[in-house]
C-alpha atoms as a PDB file:
ATOM      1  CA  MET A   1      24.937  29.868 -63.511  1.00  0.00           C
ATOM      2  CA  LYS A   2      25.638  27.581 -60.567  1.00  0.00           C
ATOM      3  CA  TYR A   3      24.838  23.905 -61.143  1.00  0.00           C
ATOM      4  CA  LEU A   4      26.449  22.280 -58.078  1.00  0.00           C
ATOM      5  CA  LYS A   5      26.267  23.754 -54.600  1.00  0.00           C
ATOM      6  CA  ILE A   6      26.743  22.957 -50.943  1.00  0.00           C
ATOM      7  CA  GLU A   7      23.989  24.143 -48.638  1.00  0.00           C
ATOM      8  CA  GLU A   8      22.597  23.017 -45.288  1.00  0.00           C
ATOM      9  CA  ASN A   9      25.281  20.302 -44.920  1.00  0.00           C
ATOM     10  CA  LYS A  10      24.277  18.675 -48.226  1.00  0.00           C
ATOM     11  CA  GLY A  11      25.442  18.673 -51.822  1.00  0.00           C
ATOM     12  CA  HIS A  12      22.883  19.688 -54.437  1.00  0.00           C
ATOM     13  CA  PHE A  13      22.649  19.803 -58.231  1.00  0.00           C
ATOM     14  CA  ILE A  14      20.332  21.318 -60.814  1.00  0.00           C
ATOM     15  CA  LYS A  15      18.591  18.701 -62.902  1.00  0.00           C
ATOM     16  CA  ASP A  16      17.033  21.158 -65.381  1.00  0.00           C
ATOM     17  CA  LYS A  17      18.501  24.580 -66.170  1.00  0.00           C
ATOM     18  CA  ASN A  18      14.991  25.796 -67.022  1.00  0.00           C
ATOM     19  CA  GLN A  19      14.090  25.276 -63.366  1.00  0.00           C
ATOM     20  CA  PRO A  20      17.109  26.823 -61.607  1.00  0.00           C
ATOM     21  CA  GLU A  21      15.224  27.144 -58.334  1.00  0.00           C
ATOM     22  CA  VAL A  22      14.794  23.360 -58.039  1.00  0.00           C
ATOM     23  CA  TRP A  23      17.802  21.741 -56.363  1.00  0.00           C
ATOM     24  CA  ASN A  24      18.145  17.977 -55.944  1.00  0.00           C
ATOM     25  CA  ASP A  25      20.223  16.135 -53.352  1.00  0.00           C
ATOM     26  CA  ILE A  26      23.529  14.977 -54.820  1.00  0.00           C
ATOM     27  CA  ASP A  27      22.997  11.391 -53.657  1.00  0.00           C
ATOM     28  CA  GLN A  28      19.983  11.179 -56.000  1.00  0.00           C
ATOM     29  CA  ILE A  29      22.048  11.898 -59.134  1.00  0.00           C
ATOM     30  CA  GLU A  30      21.691   9.444 -62.018  1.00  0.00           C
ATOM     31  CA  LYS A  31      23.603   8.774 -65.232  1.00  0.00           C
ATOM     32  CA  ASP A  32      21.288  10.975 -67.307  1.00  0.00           C
ATOM     33  CA  ASP A  33      21.754  13.810 -64.815  1.00  0.00           C
ATOM     34  CA  LEU A  34      25.533  13.527 -65.166  1.00  0.00           C
ATOM     35  CA  LEU A  35      25.276  13.652 -68.945  1.00  0.00           C
ATOM     36  CA  LYS A  36      23.039  16.725 -68.731  1.00  0.00           C
ATOM     37  CA  LEU A  37      25.488  18.436 -66.346  1.00  0.00           C
ATOM     38  CA  LEU A  38      28.323  17.660 -68.752  1.00  0.00           C
ATOM     39  CA  GLU A  39      26.303  19.213 -71.568  1.00  0.00           C
ATOM     40  CA  TYR A  40      25.751  22.323 -69.438  1.00  0.00           C
ATOM     41  CA  ALA A  41      29.459  22.462 -68.570  1.00  0.00           C
ATOM     42  CA  THR A  42      30.318  22.241 -72.263  1.00  0.00           C
ATOM     43  CA  ASN A  43      27.901  24.878 -73.514  1.00  0.00           C
ATOM     44  CA  GLU A  44      27.012  27.132 -70.584  1.00  0.00           C
ATOM     45  CA  ASN A  45      28.662  29.336 -67.985  1.00  0.00           C
ATOM     46  CA  PHE A  46      28.992  26.487 -65.469  1.00  0.00           C
ATOM     47  CA  GLU A  47      29.719  27.288 -61.829  1.00  0.00           C
ATOM     48  CA  LEU A  48      30.007  25.098 -58.760  1.00  0.00           C
ATOM     49  CA  ASP A  49      30.843  25.502 -55.102  1.00  0.00           C
ATOM     50  CA  ALA A  50      34.335  24.371 -54.190  1.00  0.00           C
ATOM     51  CA  TYR A  51      34.461  21.114 -52.276  1.00  0.00           C
ATOM     52  CA  ASP A  52      34.752  21.563 -48.518  1.00  0.00           C
ATOM     53  CA  GLU A  53      34.426  18.422 -46.410  1.00  0.00           C
ATOM     54  CA  ASN A  54      33.528  20.499 -43.357  1.00  0.00           C
ATOM     55  CA  LEU A  55      30.414  21.857 -45.052  1.00  0.00           C
ATOM     56  CA  LEU A  56      29.035  18.415 -45.908  1.00  0.00           C
ATOM     57  CA  GLY A  57      27.713  16.483 -42.920  1.00  0.00           C
ATOM     58  CA  ASN A  58      26.642  13.401 -44.862  1.00  0.00           C
ATOM     59  CA  LYS A  59      29.482  11.014 -45.791  1.00  0.00           C
ATOM     60  CA  ALA A  60      27.777   9.963 -49.048  1.00  0.00           C
ATOM     61  CA  HIS A  61      27.412  13.609 -50.055  1.00  0.00           C
ATOM     62  CA  GLN A  62      31.098  14.190 -49.236  1.00  0.00           C
ATOM     63  CA  ILE A  63      32.223  11.364 -51.498  1.00  0.00           C
ATOM     64  CA  ILE A  64      29.914  12.145 -54.411  1.00  0.00           C
ATOM     65  CA  TYR A  65      30.406  15.915 -54.314  1.00  0.00           C
ATOM     66  CA  LYS A  66      34.178  15.580 -54.001  1.00  0.00           C
ATOM     67  CA  HIS A  67      34.437  13.408 -57.112  1.00  0.00           C
ATOM     68  CA  LEU A  68      32.030  15.531 -59.150  1.00  0.00           C
ATOM     69  CA  SER A  69      33.798  18.717 -58.087  1.00  0.00           C
ATOM     70  CA  GLU A  70      37.194  17.325 -59.099  1.00  0.00           C
ATOM     71  CA  LYS A  71      35.990  16.078 -62.476  1.00  0.00           C
ATOM     72  CA  PHE A  72      34.022  19.185 -63.425  1.00  0.00           C
ATOM     73  CA  THR A  73      36.767  21.540 -62.261  1.00  0.00           C
ATOM     74  CA  SER A  74      39.302  19.630 -64.357  1.00  0.00           C
ATOM     75  CA  PHE A  75      36.956  19.636 -67.339  1.00  0.00           C
ATOM     76  CA  LEU A  76      36.287  23.374 -67.049  1.00  0.00           C
ATOM     77  CA  LEU A  77      39.994  24.157 -66.838  1.00  0.00           C
ATOM     78  CA  ASN A  78      40.635  22.130 -70.004  1.00  0.00           C
ATOM     79  CA  LYS A  79      37.374  22.784 -71.867  1.00  0.00           C
ATOM     80  CA  ASP A  80      38.963  24.705 -74.748  1.00  0.00           C
ATOM     81  CA  ARG A  81      41.589  21.998 -75.261  1.00  0.00           C
ATOM     82  CA  PHE A  82      38.900  19.298 -75.296  1.00  0.00           C
ATOM     83  CA  LYS A  83      36.856  21.219 -77.855  1.00  0.00           C
ATOM     84  CA  ASP A  84      39.935  21.741 -80.069  1.00  0.00           C
ATOM     85  CA  GLU A  85      40.841  18.053 -79.901  1.00  0.00           C
ATOM     86  CA  ALA A  86      37.288  17.011 -80.754  1.00  0.00           C
ATOM     87  CA  GLU A  87      37.220  19.369 -83.740  1.00  0.00           C
ATOM     88  CA  ASN A  88      40.606  18.101 -84.962  1.00  0.00           C
ATOM     89  CA  VAL A  89      39.448  14.482 -84.829  1.00  0.00           C
ATOM     90  CA  TYR A  90      36.721  15.219 -87.385  1.00  0.00           C
ATOM     91  CA  LYS A  91      38.460  18.019 -89.284  1.00  0.00           C
ATOM     92  CA  ASP A  92      39.852  15.792 -92.037  1.00  0.00           C
ATOM     93  CA  ALA A  93      36.540  14.043 -92.608  1.00  0.00           C
ATOM     94  CA  ILE A  94      34.641  17.340 -92.701  1.00  0.00           C
ATOM     95  CA  GLU A  95      37.078  18.852 -95.217  1.00  0.00           C
ATOM     96  CA  LYS A  96      37.030  15.715 -97.350  1.00  0.00           C
ATOM     97  CA  TYR A  97      33.245  15.608 -97.681  1.00  0.00           C
ATOM     98  CA  GLN A  98      32.471  19.319 -98.033  1.00  0.00           C
END
């Protein structure tokens, strides 16, 4: 499912996956929205439009979308490694107390 997109010269994001038809302007994103998107990226099939400066007419949207695109793309490419590292951090404690 796509969570970040570029359309009509603006960047948009989905605030709630249960309402996939409701897109919000990227410049309205808040900390809780970022955490929710990270949760979706961790547990869902997370898709986003590639950053293209020429498709974003608003400078604020360019800056915000560029940074989010870079971070989420990097996260998605390394998601399995991050999950493995997180599991290894707690592996000893889990084994000790089971």
